[in-house]
Every structure is written in C-alpha cells, then in structure tokens.
Amino acid sequence: LKILTEKRITEQPTVQRLQMMYDYLFGAGVRKPDLQKL
C-alpha cells in the first residue's frame, strides 16, 4: 500500500488527500510530543 500510494502521488501530485493520507498512515507513526510548551 505504501509503494502504491507513493506511485499515485507521483502520478497525481495535485491530489492533496493522497499526501495527507501517506503522512497519516506511513509517516513517523504515533508518538507523544513534548506537550509542556503548549
């Protein structure tokens, strides 16, 4: 799915949802940020 999504992003660079989905699913993953400064 990751490889297929990367291919679609290359083929359809103006479709914004594809990059957003890629970052959400295949990005750094769930991690707890430093909340203190918020």
Full PDB file with SEQRES, HELIX, SHEET, SSBOND, CRYST1, ORIGX, SCALE, CONECT and MASTER records, all heavy atoms in Angstrom:
SEQRES   1 A   38  LEU LYS ILE LEU THR GLU LYS ARG ILE THR GLU GLN PRO          
SEQRES   2 A   38  THR VAL GLN ARG LEU GLN MET MET TYR ASP TYR LEU PHE          
SEQRES   3 A   38  GLY ALA GLY VAL ARG LYS PRO ASP LEU GLN LYS LEU              
HELIX    1 AA1 LYS A    2  GLU A   11  1                                  10    
HELIX    2 AA2 GLN A   16  PHE A   26  1                                  11    
CRYST1    1.000    1.000    1.000  90.00  90.00  90.00 P 1           1          
ORIGX1      1.000000  0.000000  0.000000        0.00000                         
ORIGX2      0.000000  1.000000  0.000000        0.00000                         
ORIGX3      0.000000  0.000000  1.000000        0.00000                         
SCALE1      1.000000  0.000000  0.000000        0.00000                         
SCALE2      0.000000  1.000000  0.000000        0.00000                         
SCALE3      0.000000  0.000000  1.000000        0.00000                         
ATOM      1  N   LEU A   1       0.828  -1.205   0.000  1.00  0.00           N  
ATOM      2  CA  LEU A   1       0.000   0.000   0.000  1.00  0.00           C  
ATOM      3  C   LEU A   1       0.864   1.258   0.000  1.00  0.00           C  
ATOM      4  O   LEU A   1       0.534   2.250  -0.664  1.00  0.00           O  
ATOM      5  CB  LEU A   1      -0.923  -0.003   1.221  1.00  0.00           C  
ATOM      6  CG  LEU A   1      -1.976  -1.107   1.287  1.00  0.00           C  
ATOM      7  CD1 LEU A   1      -2.686  -1.082   2.632  1.00  0.00           C  
ATOM      8  CD2 LEU A   1      -2.988  -0.971   0.146  1.00  0.00           C  
ATOM      9  N   LYS A   2       1.950   1.218   0.735  1.00  0.00           N  
ATOM     10  CA  LYS A   2       2.860   2.365   0.778  1.00  0.00           C  
ATOM     11  C   LYS A   2       3.453   2.638  -0.596  1.00  0.00           C  
ATOM     12  O   LYS A   2       3.454   3.786  -1.076  1.00  0.00           O  
ATOM     13  CB  LYS A   2       3.969   2.103   1.792  1.00  0.00           C  
ATOM     14  CG  LYS A   2       4.976   3.244   1.915  1.00  0.00           C  
ATOM     15  CD  LYS A   2       6.045   2.907   2.952  1.00  0.00           C  
ATOM     16  CE  LYS A   2       7.055   4.052   3.063  1.00  0.00           C  
ATOM     17  NZ  LYS A   2       8.138   3.727   4.013  1.00  0.00           N  
ATOM     18  N   ILE A   3       3.939   1.594  -1.250  1.00  0.00           N  
ATOM     19  CA  ILE A   3       4.538   1.745  -2.580  1.00  0.00           C  
ATOM     20  C   ILE A   3       3.491   2.228  -3.585  1.00  0.00           C  
ATOM     21  O   ILE A   3       3.746   3.123  -4.411  1.00  0.00           O  
ATOM     22  CB  ILE A   3       5.162   0.411  -3.042  1.00  0.00           C  
ATOM     23  CG1 ILE A   3       6.345   0.052  -2.140  1.00  0.00           C  
ATOM     24  CG2 ILE A   3       5.599   0.487  -4.503  1.00  0.00           C  
ATOM     25  CD1 ILE A   3       6.876  -1.344  -2.338  1.00  0.00           C  
ATOM     26  N   LEU A   4       2.289   1.673  -3.492  1.00  0.00           N  
ATOM     27  CA  LEU A   4       1.216   2.051  -4.403  1.00  0.00           C  
ATOM     28  C   LEU A   4       0.804   3.504  -4.197  1.00  0.00           C  
ATOM     29  O   LEU A   4       0.565   4.242  -5.169  1.00  0.00           O  
ATOM     30  CB  LEU A   4       0.020   1.124  -4.180  1.00  0.00           C  
ATOM     31  CG  LEU A   4      -1.098   1.150  -5.220  1.00  0.00           C  
ATOM     32  CD1 LEU A   4      -0.571   0.812  -6.598  1.00  0.00           C  
ATOM     33  CD2 LEU A   4      -2.213   0.176  -4.814  1.00  0.00           C  
ATOM     34  N   THR A   5       0.747   3.939  -2.946  1.00  0.00           N  
ATOM     35  CA  THR A   5       0.390   5.335  -2.661  1.00  0.00           C  
ATOM     36  C   THR A   5       1.468   6.276  -3.154  1.00  0.00           C  
ATOM     37  O   THR A   5       1.178   7.350  -3.708  1.00  0.00           O  
ATOM     38  CB  THR A   5       0.142   5.529  -1.156  1.00  0.00           C  
ATOM     39  OG1 THR A   5      -0.860   4.621  -0.710  1.00  0.00           O  
ATOM     40  CG2 THR A   5      -0.318   6.954  -0.865  1.00  0.00           C  
ATOM     41  N   GLU A   6       2.726   5.927  -2.968  1.00  0.00           N  
ATOM     42  CA  GLU A   6       3.837   6.744  -3.480  1.00  0.00           C  
ATOM     43  C   GLU A   6       3.733   6.905  -4.992  1.00  0.00           C  
ATOM     44  O   GLU A   6       3.966   7.994  -5.534  1.00  0.00           O  
ATOM     45  CB  GLU A   6       5.175   6.108  -3.102  1.00  0.00           C  
ATOM     46  CG  GLU A   6       5.493   6.203  -1.612  1.00  0.00           C  
ATOM     47  CD  GLU A   6       6.709   5.377  -1.223  1.00  0.00           C  
ATOM     48  OE1 GLU A   6       7.152   4.534  -2.037  1.00  0.00           O  
ATOM     49  OE2 GLU A   6       7.208   5.562  -0.095  1.00  0.00           O  
ATOM     50  N   LYS A   7       3.379   5.825  -5.675  1.00  0.00           N  
ATOM     51  CA  LYS A   7       3.227   5.872  -7.132  1.00  0.00           C  
ATOM     52  C   LYS A   7       2.089   6.806  -7.520  1.00  0.00           C  
ATOM     53  O   LYS A   7       2.221   7.623  -8.445  1.00  0.00           O  
ATOM     54  CB  LYS A   7       2.961   4.458  -7.665  1.00  0.00           C  
ATOM     55  CG  LYS A   7       2.838   4.349  -9.178  1.00  0.00           C  
ATOM     56  CD  LYS A   7       2.730   2.883  -9.578  1.00  0.00           C  
ATOM     57  CE  LYS A   7       2.643   2.716 -11.091  1.00  0.00           C  
ATOM     58  NZ  LYS A   7       1.357   3.180 -11.623  1.00  0.00           N  
ATOM     59  N   ARG A   8       0.971   6.733  -6.802  1.00  0.00           N  
ATOM     60  CA  ARG A   8      -0.175   7.603  -7.108  1.00  0.00           C  
ATOM     61  C   ARG A   8       0.186   9.072  -6.862  1.00  0.00           C  
ATOM     62  O   ARG A   8      -0.245   9.956  -7.605  1.00  0.00           O  
ATOM     63  CB  ARG A   8      -1.386   7.209  -6.263  1.00  0.00           C  
ATOM     64  CG  ARG A   8      -2.020   5.894  -6.640  1.00  0.00           C  
ATOM     65  CD  ARG A   8      -2.681   5.954  -8.013  1.00  0.00           C  
ATOM     66  NE  ARG A   8      -3.246   4.660  -8.367  1.00  0.00           N  
ATOM     67  CZ  ARG A   8      -4.516   4.318  -8.210  1.00  0.00           C  
ATOM     68  NH1 ARG A   8      -5.377   5.196  -7.690  1.00  0.00           N  
ATOM     69  NH2 ARG A   8      -4.940   3.125  -8.560  1.00  0.00           N  
ATOM     70  N   ILE A   9       0.934   9.339  -5.798  1.00  0.00           N  
ATOM     71  CA  ILE A   9       1.328  10.722  -5.505  1.00  0.00           C  
ATOM     72  C   ILE A   9       2.178  11.273  -6.644  1.00  0.00           C  
ATOM     73  O   ILE A   9       2.033  12.436  -7.054  1.00  0.00           O  
ATOM     74  CB  ILE A   9       2.080  10.795  -4.160  1.00  0.00           C  
ATOM     75  CG1 ILE A   9       1.113  10.517  -3.006  1.00  0.00           C  
ATOM     76  CG2 ILE A   9       2.755  12.153  -3.986  1.00  0.00           C  
ATOM     77  CD1 ILE A   9       1.796  10.372  -1.665  1.00  0.00           C  
ATOM     78  N   THR A  10       3.061  10.461  -7.180  1.00  0.00           N  
ATOM     79  CA  THR A  10       3.894  10.884  -8.303  1.00  0.00           C  
ATOM     80  C   THR A  10       3.048  11.147  -9.547  1.00  0.00           C  
ATOM     81  O   THR A  10       3.264  12.124 -10.275  1.00  0.00           O  
ATOM     82  CB  THR A  10       4.947   9.806  -8.622  1.00  0.00           C  
ATOM     83  OG1 THR A  10       5.746   9.583  -7.465  1.00  0.00           O  
ATOM     84  CG2 THR A  10       5.844  10.232  -9.780  1.00  0.00           C  
ATOM     85  N   GLU A  11       2.060  10.274  -9.772  1.00  0.00           N  
ATOM     86  CA  GLU A  11       1.205  10.402 -10.948  1.00  0.00           C  
ATOM     87  C   GLU A  11       0.179  11.523 -10.800  1.00  0.00           C  
ATOM     88  O   GLU A  11      -0.226  12.130 -11.808  1.00  0.00           O  
ATOM     89  CB  GLU A  11       0.467   9.084 -11.191  1.00  0.00           C  
ATOM     90  CG  GLU A  11       1.369   7.924 -11.579  1.00  0.00           C  
ATOM     91  CD  GLU A  11       0.634   6.589 -11.597  1.00  0.00           C  
ATOM     92  OE1 GLU A  11      -0.506   6.521 -11.073  1.00  0.00           O  
ATOM     93  OE2 GLU A  11       1.203   5.622 -12.130  1.00  0.00           O  
ATOM     94  N   GLN A  12      -0.264  11.784  -9.571  1.00  0.00           N  
ATOM     95  CA  GLN A  12      -1.293  12.797  -9.329  1.00  0.00           C  
ATOM     96  C   GLN A  12      -0.846  13.763  -8.238  1.00  0.00           C  
ATOM     97  O   GLN A  12      -1.425  13.804  -7.149  1.00  0.00           O  
ATOM     98  CB  GLN A  12      -2.604  12.118  -8.924  1.00  0.00           C  
ATOM     99  CG  GLN A  12      -3.154  11.147  -9.959  1.00  0.00           C  
ATOM    100  CD  GLN A  12      -4.377  10.400  -9.452  1.00  0.00           C  
ATOM    101  OE1 GLN A  12      -4.296   9.588  -8.537  1.00  0.00           O  
ATOM    102  NE2 GLN A  12      -5.536  10.698 -10.043  1.00  0.00           N  
ATOM    103  N   PRO A  13       0.187  14.548  -8.493  1.00  0.00           N  
ATOM    104  CA  PRO A  13       0.755  15.413  -7.444  1.00  0.00           C  
ATOM    105  C   PRO A  13      -0.185  16.497  -6.943  1.00  0.00           C  
ATOM    106  O   PRO A  13       0.018  17.047  -5.866  1.00  0.00           O  
ATOM    107  CB  PRO A  13       1.980  16.028  -8.136  1.00  0.00           C  
ATOM    108  CG  PRO A  13       1.681  15.940  -9.604  1.00  0.00           C  
ATOM    109  CD  PRO A  13       0.886  14.679  -9.775  1.00  0.00           C  
ATOM    110  N   THR A  14      -1.230  16.814  -7.717  1.00  0.00           N  
ATOM    111  CA  THR A  14      -2.163  17.864  -7.280  1.00  0.00           C  
ATOM    112  C   THR A  14      -3.280  17.336  -6.396  1.00  0.00           C  
ATOM    113  O   THR A  14      -4.063  18.117  -5.861  1.00  0.00           O  
ATOM    114  CB  THR A  14      -2.789  18.557  -8.508  1.00  0.00           C  
ATOM    115  OG1 THR A  14      -3.503  17.588  -9.285  1.00  0.00           O  
ATOM    116  CG2 THR A  14      -1.710  19.210  -9.367  1.00  0.00           C  
ATOM    117  N   VAL A  15      -3.374  16.013  -6.253  1.00  0.00           N  
ATOM    118  CA  VAL A  15      -4.419  15.425  -5.399  1.00  0.00           C  
ATOM    119  C   VAL A  15      -3.925  15.451  -3.955  1.00  0.00           C  
ATOM    120  O   VAL A  15      -3.148  14.599  -3.527  1.00  0.00           O  
ATOM    121  CB  VAL A  15      -4.764  13.990  -5.843  1.00  0.00           C  
ATOM    122  CG1 VAL A  15      -5.857  13.412  -4.940  1.00  0.00           C  
ATOM    123  CG2 VAL A  15      -5.221  13.972  -7.299  1.00  0.00           C  
ATOM    124  N   GLN A  16      -4.376  16.431  -3.196  1.00  0.00           N  
ATOM    125  CA  GLN A  16      -3.816  16.718  -1.875  1.00  0.00           C  
ATOM    126  C   GLN A  16      -4.076  15.605  -0.866  1.00  0.00           C  
ATOM    127  O   GLN A  16      -3.254  15.327   0.006  1.00  0.00           O  
ATOM    128  CB  GLN A  16      -4.383  18.039  -1.357  1.00  0.00           C  
ATOM    129  CG  GLN A  16      -3.997  19.228  -2.220  1.00  0.00           C  
ATOM    130  CD  GLN A  16      -4.728  20.492  -1.834  1.00  0.00           C  
ATOM    131  OE1 GLN A  16      -5.799  20.464  -1.236  1.00  0.00           O  
ATOM    132  NE2 GLN A  16      -4.149  21.630  -2.172  1.00  0.00           N  
ATOM    133  N   ARG A  17      -5.220  14.924  -0.977  1.00  0.00           N  
ATOM    134  CA  ARG A  17      -5.573  13.911   0.000  1.00  0.00           C  
ATOM    135  C   ARG A  17      -4.555  12.763   0.020  1.00  0.00           C  
ATOM    136  O   ARG A  17      -4.300  12.165   1.056  1.00  0.00           O  
ATOM    137  CB  ARG A  17      -6.965  13.350  -0.287  1.00  0.00           C  
ATOM    138  CG  ARG A  17      -7.462  12.473   0.869  1.00  0.00           C  
ATOM    139  CD  ARG A  17      -8.695  11.647   0.532  1.00  0.00           C  
ATOM    140  NE  ARG A  17      -9.548  12.188  -0.460  1.00  0.00           N  
ATOM    141  CZ  ARG A  17     -10.688  12.844  -0.238  1.00  0.00           C  
ATOM    142  NH1 ARG A  17     -11.082  13.062   0.997  1.00  0.00           N  
ATOM    143  NH2 ARG A  17     -11.420  13.261  -1.240  1.00  0.00           N  
ATOM    144  N   LEU A  18      -3.963  12.458  -1.134  1.00  0.00           N  
ATOM    145  CA  LEU A  18      -3.014  11.348  -1.208  1.00  0.00           C  
ATOM    146  C   LEU A  18      -1.804  11.587  -0.310  1.00  0.00           C  
ATOM    147  O   LEU A  18      -1.374  10.689   0.416  1.00  0.00           O  
ATOM    148  CB  LEU A  18      -2.569  11.137  -2.661  1.00  0.00           C  
ATOM    149  CG  LEU A  18      -3.648  10.641  -3.627  1.00  0.00           C  
ATOM    150  CD1 LEU A  18      -3.114  10.625  -5.052  1.00  0.00           C  
ATOM    151  CD2 LEU A  18      -4.142   9.254  -3.230  1.00  0.00           C  
ATOM    152  N   GLN A  19      -1.251  12.792  -0.345  1.00  0.00           N  
ATOM    153  CA  GLN A  19      -0.102  13.091   0.505  1.00  0.00           C  
ATOM    154  C   GLN A  19      -0.503  13.124   1.974  1.00  0.00           C  
ATOM    155  O   GLN A  19       0.246  12.654   2.842  1.00  0.00           O  
ATOM    156  CB  GLN A  19       0.518  14.435   0.106  1.00  0.00           C  
ATOM    157  CG  GLN A  19       1.804  14.770   0.855  1.00  0.00           C  
ATOM    158  CD  GLN A  19       2.924  13.790   0.571  1.00  0.00           C  
ATOM    159  OE1 GLN A  19       3.282  13.559  -0.575  1.00  0.00           O  
ATOM    160  NE2 GLN A  19       3.482  13.186   1.618  1.00  0.00           N  
ATOM    161  N   MET A  20      -1.670  13.654   2.259  1.00  0.00           N  
ATOM    162  CA  MET A  20      -2.145  13.689   3.646  1.00  0.00           C  
ATOM    163  C   MET A  20      -2.333  12.277   4.181  1.00  0.00           C  
ATOM    164  O   MET A  20      -1.960  11.974   5.322  1.00  0.00           O  
ATOM    165  CB  MET A  20      -3.455  14.475   3.732  1.00  0.00           C  
ATOM    166  CG  MET A  20      -3.323  15.940   3.383  1.00  0.00           C  
ATOM    167  SD  MET A  20      -4.930  16.769   3.309  1.00  0.00           S  
ATOM    168  CE  MET A  20      -4.478  18.322   2.517  1.00  0.00           C  
ATOM    169  N   MET A  21      -2.897  11.400   3.352  1.00  0.00           N  
ATOM    170  CA  MET A  21      -3.076  10.014   3.753  1.00  0.00           C  
ATOM    171  C   MET A  21      -1.726   9.337   3.957  1.00  0.00           C  
ATOM    172  O   MET A  21      -1.537   8.591   4.929  1.00  0.00           O  
ATOM    173  CB  MET A  21      -3.888   9.262   2.698  1.00  0.00           C  
ATOM    174  CG  MET A  21      -4.067   7.773   3.005  1.00  0.00           C  
ATOM    175  SD  MET A  21      -5.051   6.911   1.756  1.00  0.00           S  
ATOM    176  CE  MET A  21      -3.895   6.898   0.374  1.00  0.00           C  
ATOM    177  N   TYR A  22      -0.802   9.601   3.063  1.00  0.00           N  
ATOM    178  CA  TYR A  22       0.527   8.987   3.168  1.00  0.00           C  
ATOM    179  C   TYR A  22       1.195   9.389   4.483  1.00  0.00           C  
ATOM    180  O   TYR A  22       1.743   8.548   5.199  1.00  0.00           O  
ATOM    181  CB  TYR A  22       1.397   9.412   1.987  1.00  0.00           C  
ATOM    182  CG  TYR A  22       2.752   8.751   1.968  1.00  0.00           C  
ATOM    183  CD1 TYR A  22       2.933   7.516   1.362  1.00  0.00           C  
ATOM    184  CD2 TYR A  22       3.859   9.358   2.563  1.00  0.00           C  
ATOM    185  CE1 TYR A  22       4.177   6.891   1.351  1.00  0.00           C  
ATOM    186  CE2 TYR A  22       5.099   8.748   2.568  1.00  0.00           C  
ATOM    187  CZ  TYR A  22       5.250   7.512   1.952  1.00  0.00           C  
ATOM    188  OH  TYR A  22       6.477   6.897   1.960  1.00  0.00           O  
ATOM    189  N   ASP A  23       1.150  10.664   4.806  1.00  0.00           N  
ATOM    190  CA  ASP A  23       1.770  11.146   6.049  1.00  0.00           C  
ATOM    191  C   ASP A  23       1.088  10.522   7.267  1.00  0.00           C  
ATOM    192  O   ASP A  23       1.753  10.171   8.250  1.00  0.00           O  
ATOM    193  CB  ASP A  23       1.685  12.670   6.130  1.00  0.00           C  
ATOM    194  CG  ASP A  23       2.560  13.361   5.096  1.00  0.00           C  
ATOM    195  OD1 ASP A  23       3.525  12.729   4.617  1.00  0.00           O  
ATOM    196  OD2 ASP A  23       2.272  14.526   4.759  1.00  0.00           O  
ATOM    197  N   TYR A  24      -0.239  10.400   7.211  1.00  0.00           N  
ATOM    198  CA  TYR A  24      -1.001   9.859   8.345  1.00  0.00           C  
ATOM    199  C   TYR A  24      -0.718   8.376   8.549  1.00  0.00           C  
ATOM    200  O   TYR A  24      -0.510   7.926   9.681  1.00  0.00           O  
ATOM    201  CB  TYR A  24      -2.490  10.089   8.100  1.00  0.00           C  
ATOM    202  CG  TYR A  24      -3.387   9.645   9.234  1.00  0.00           C  
ATOM    203  CD1 TYR A  24      -3.685  10.505  10.279  1.00  0.00           C  
ATOM    204  CD2 TYR A  24      -3.949   8.370   9.254  1.00  0.00           C  
ATOM    205  CE1 TYR A  24      -4.515  10.114  11.330  1.00  0.00           C  
ATOM    206  CE2 TYR A  24      -4.779   7.961  10.289  1.00  0.00           C  
ATOM    207  CZ  TYR A  24      -5.050   8.830  11.321  1.00  0.00           C  
ATOM    208  OH  TYR A  24      -5.858   8.440  12.362  1.00  0.00           O  
ATOM    209  N   LEU A  25      -0.694   7.599   7.479  1.00  0.00           N  
ATOM    210  CA  LEU A  25      -0.554   6.153   7.595  1.00  0.00           C  
ATOM    211  C   LEU A  25       0.901   5.683   7.624  1.00  0.00           C  
ATOM    212  O   LEU A  25       1.235   4.749   8.359  1.00  0.00           O  
ATOM    213  CB  LEU A  25      -1.271   5.457   6.430  1.00  0.00           C  
ATOM    214  CG  LEU A  25      -2.786   5.628   6.337  1.00  0.00           C  
ATOM    215  CD1 LEU A  25      -3.315   4.910   5.105  1.00  0.00           C  
ATOM    216  CD2 LEU A  25      -3.478   5.120   7.588  1.00  0.00           C  
ATOM    217  N   PHE A  26       1.736   6.322   6.829  1.00  0.00           N  
ATOM    218  CA  PHE A  26       3.089   5.804   6.640  1.00  0.00           C  
ATOM    219  C   PHE A  26       4.177   6.746   7.156  1.00  0.00           C  
ATOM    220  O   PHE A  26       5.361   6.557   6.862  1.00  0.00           O  
ATOM    221  CB  PHE A  26       3.329   5.526   5.152  1.00  0.00           C  
ATOM    222  CG  PHE A  26       2.286   4.659   4.534  1.00  0.00           C  
ATOM    223  CD1 PHE A  26       1.392   5.182   3.605  1.00  0.00           C  
ATOM    224  CD2 PHE A  26       2.166   3.323   4.880  1.00  0.00           C  
ATOM    225  CE1 PHE A  26       0.411   4.387   3.027  1.00  0.00           C  
ATOM    226  CE2 PHE A  26       1.190   2.516   4.311  1.00  0.00           C  
ATOM    227  CZ  PHE A  26       0.316   3.053   3.391  1.00  0.00           C  
ATOM    228  N   GLY A  27       3.773   7.769   7.905  1.00  0.00           N  
ATOM    229  CA  GLY A  27       4.737   8.710   8.458  1.00  0.00           C  
ATOM    230  C   GLY A  27       5.477   8.144   9.649  1.00  0.00           C  
ATOM    231  O   GLY A  27       5.670   6.936   9.777  1.00  0.00           O  
ATOM    232  N   ALA A  28       5.825   9.008  10.564  1.00  0.00           N  
ATOM    233  CA  ALA A  28       6.648   8.596  11.711  1.00  0.00           C  
ATOM    234  C   ALA A  28       5.894   7.726  12.704  1.00  0.00           C  
ATOM    235  O   ALA A  28       6.489   7.115  13.579  1.00  0.00           O  
ATOM    236  CB  ALA A  28       7.196   9.837  12.423  1.00  0.00           C  
ATOM    237  N   GLY A  29       4.575   7.647  12.549  1.00  0.00           N  
ATOM    238  CA  GLY A  29       3.802   6.847  13.489  1.00  0.00           C  
ATOM    239  C   GLY A  29       3.356   7.652  14.691  1.00  0.00           C  
ATOM    240  O   GLY A  29       3.635   8.838  14.815  1.00  0.00           O  
ATOM    241  N   VAL A  30       2.659   6.987  15.598  1.00  0.00           N  
ATOM    242  CA  VAL A  30       2.137   7.656  16.783  1.00  0.00           C  
ATOM    243  C   VAL A  30       3.272   7.853  17.778  1.00  0.00           C  
ATOM    244  O   VAL A  30       3.941   6.916  18.175  1.00  0.00           O  
ATOM    245  CB  VAL A  30       1.019   6.819  17.425  1.00  0.00           C  
ATOM    246  CG1 VAL A  30       0.484   7.518  18.674  1.00  0.00           C  
ATOM    247  CG2 VAL A  30      -0.099   6.578  16.437  1.00  0.00           C  
ATOM    248  N   ARG A  31       3.478   9.062  18.180  1.00  0.00           N  
ATOM    249  CA  ARG A  31       4.479   9.331  19.211  1.00  0.00           C  
ATOM    250  C   ARG A  31       3.969  10.475  20.074  1.00  0.00           C  
ATOM    251  O   ARG A  31       3.216  11.330  19.620  1.00  0.00           O  
ATOM    252  CB  ARG A  31       5.831   9.680  18.605  1.00  0.00           C  
ATOM    253  CG  ARG A  31       5.852  10.974  17.808  1.00  0.00           C  
ATOM    254  CD  ARG A  31       7.251  11.264  17.290  1.00  0.00           C  
ATOM    255  NE  ARG A  31       7.297  12.479  16.504  1.00  0.00           N  
ATOM    256  CZ  ARG A  31       7.444  13.692  17.011  1.00  0.00           C  
ATOM    257  NH1 ARG A  31       7.521  13.836  18.324  1.00  0.00           N  
ATOM    258  NH2 ARG A  31       7.486  14.758  16.232  1.00  0.00           N  
ATOM    259  N   LYS A  32       4.389  10.486  21.287  1.00  0.00           N  
ATOM    260  CA  LYS A  32       3.951  11.522  22.216  1.00  0.00           C  
ATOM    261  C   LYS A  32       4.894  12.718  22.122  1.00  0.00           C  
ATOM    262  O   LYS A  32       6.082  12.592  22.423  1.00  0.00           O  
ATOM    263  CB  LYS A  32       3.931  10.965  23.639  1.00  0.00           C  
ATOM    264  CG  LYS A  32       3.339  11.922  24.660  1.00  0.00           C  
ATOM    265  CD  LYS A  32       3.255  11.252  26.025  1.00  0.00           C  
ATOM    266  CE  LYS A  32       2.655  12.179  27.060  1.00  0.00           C  
ATOM    267  NZ  LYS A  32       2.525  11.524  28.377  1.00  0.00           N  
ATOM    268  N   PRO A  33       4.400  13.862  21.686  1.00  0.00           N  
ATOM    269  CA  PRO A  33       5.270  15.035  21.600  1.00  0.00           C  
ATOM    270  C   PRO A  33       5.515  15.644  22.977  1.00  0.00           C  
ATOM    271  O   PRO A  33       4.854  15.288  23.950  1.00  0.00           O  
ATOM    272  CB  PRO A  33       4.455  15.988  20.728  1.00  0.00           C  
ATOM    273  CG  PRO A  33       3.037  15.639  21.038  1.00  0.00           C  
ATOM    274  CD  PRO A  33       3.018  14.152  21.280  1.00  0.00           C  
ATOM    275  N   ASP A  34       6.438  16.559  23.053  1.00  0.00           N  
ATOM    276  CA  ASP A  34       6.669  17.304  24.281  1.00  0.00           C  
ATOM    277  C   ASP A  34       5.562  18.347  24.400  1.00  0.00           C  
ATOM    278  O   ASP A  34       5.542  19.340  23.668  1.00  0.00           O  
ATOM    279  CB  ASP A  34       8.044  17.976  24.238  1.00  0.00           C  
ATOM    280  CG  ASP A  34       8.321  18.785  25.495  1.00  0.00           C  
ATOM    281  OD1 ASP A  34       7.530  18.695  26.449  1.00  0.00           O  
ATOM    282  OD2 ASP A  34       9.336  19.507  25.522  1.00  0.00           O  
ATOM    283  N   LEU A  35       4.637  18.093  25.303  1.00  0.00           N  
ATOM    284  CA  LEU A  35       3.477  18.969  25.418  1.00  0.00           C  
ATOM    285  C   LEU A  35       3.705  20.196  26.285  1.00  0.00           C  
ATOM    286  O   LEU A  35       2.900  21.118  26.276  1.00  0.00           O  
ATOM    287  CB  LEU A  35       2.293  18.178  26.001  1.00  0.00           C  
ATOM    288  CG  LEU A  35       1.826  16.946  25.229  1.00  0.00           C  
ATOM    289  CD1 LEU A  35       0.652  16.305  25.955  1.00  0.00           C  
ATOM    290  CD2 LEU A  35       1.437  17.296  23.813  1.00  0.00           C  
ATOM    291  N   GLN A  36       4.789  20.213  27.024  1.00  0.00           N  
ATOM    292  CA  GLN A  36       4.976  21.234  28.043  1.00  0.00           C  
ATOM    293  C   GLN A  36       4.733  22.652  27.521  1.00  0.00           C  
ATOM    294  O   GLN A  36       4.015  23.449  28.131  1.00  0.00           O  
ATOM    295  CB  GLN A  36       6.391  21.135  28.619  1.00  0.00           C  
ATOM    296  CG  GLN A  36       6.668  22.103  29.770  1.00  0.00           C  
ATOM    297  CD  GLN A  36       5.941  21.726  31.052  1.00  0.00           C  
ATOM    298  OE1 GLN A  36       6.106  20.624  31.549  1.00  0.00           O  
ATOM    299  NE2 GLN A  36       5.126  22.640  31.574  1.00  0.00           N  
ATOM    300  N   LYS A  37       5.321  22.964  26.372  1.00  0.00           N  
ATOM    301  CA  LYS A  37       5.246  24.348  25.895  1.00  0.00           C  
ATOM    302  C   LYS A  37       3.867  24.726  25.365  1.00  0.00           C  
ATOM    303  O   LYS A  37       3.559  25.905  25.242  1.00  0.00           O  
ATOM    304  CB  LYS A  37       6.317  24.576  24.834  1.00  0.00           C  
ATOM    305  CG  LYS A  37       7.720  24.530  25.427  1.00  0.00           C  
ATOM    306  CD  LYS A  37       8.788  24.876  24.422  1.00  0.00           C  
ATOM    307  CE  LYS A  37      10.166  24.836  25.089  1.00  0.00           C  
ATOM    308  NZ  LYS A  37      11.260  25.125  24.128  1.00  0.00           N  
ATOM    309  N   LEU A  38       3.046  23.722  25.067  1.00  0.00           N  
ATOM    310  CA  LEU A  38       1.680  24.043  24.654  1.00  0.00           C  
ATOM    311  C   LEU A  38       0.869  24.629  25.806  1.00  0.00           C  
ATOM    312  O   LEU A  38      -0.071  25.385  25.592  1.00  0.00           O  
ATOM    313  CB  LEU A  38       0.973  22.788  24.142  1.00  0.00           C  
ATOM    314  CG  LEU A  38       1.302  22.301  22.729  1.00  0.00           C  
ATOM    315  CD1 LEU A  38       0.546  21.023  22.441  1.00  0.00           C  
ATOM    316  CD2 LEU A  38       0.972  23.360  21.691  1.00  0.00           C  
TER     317      LEU A  38                                                      
MASTER        0    0    0    2    0    0    0    6  316    1    0    3          
END                                                                             
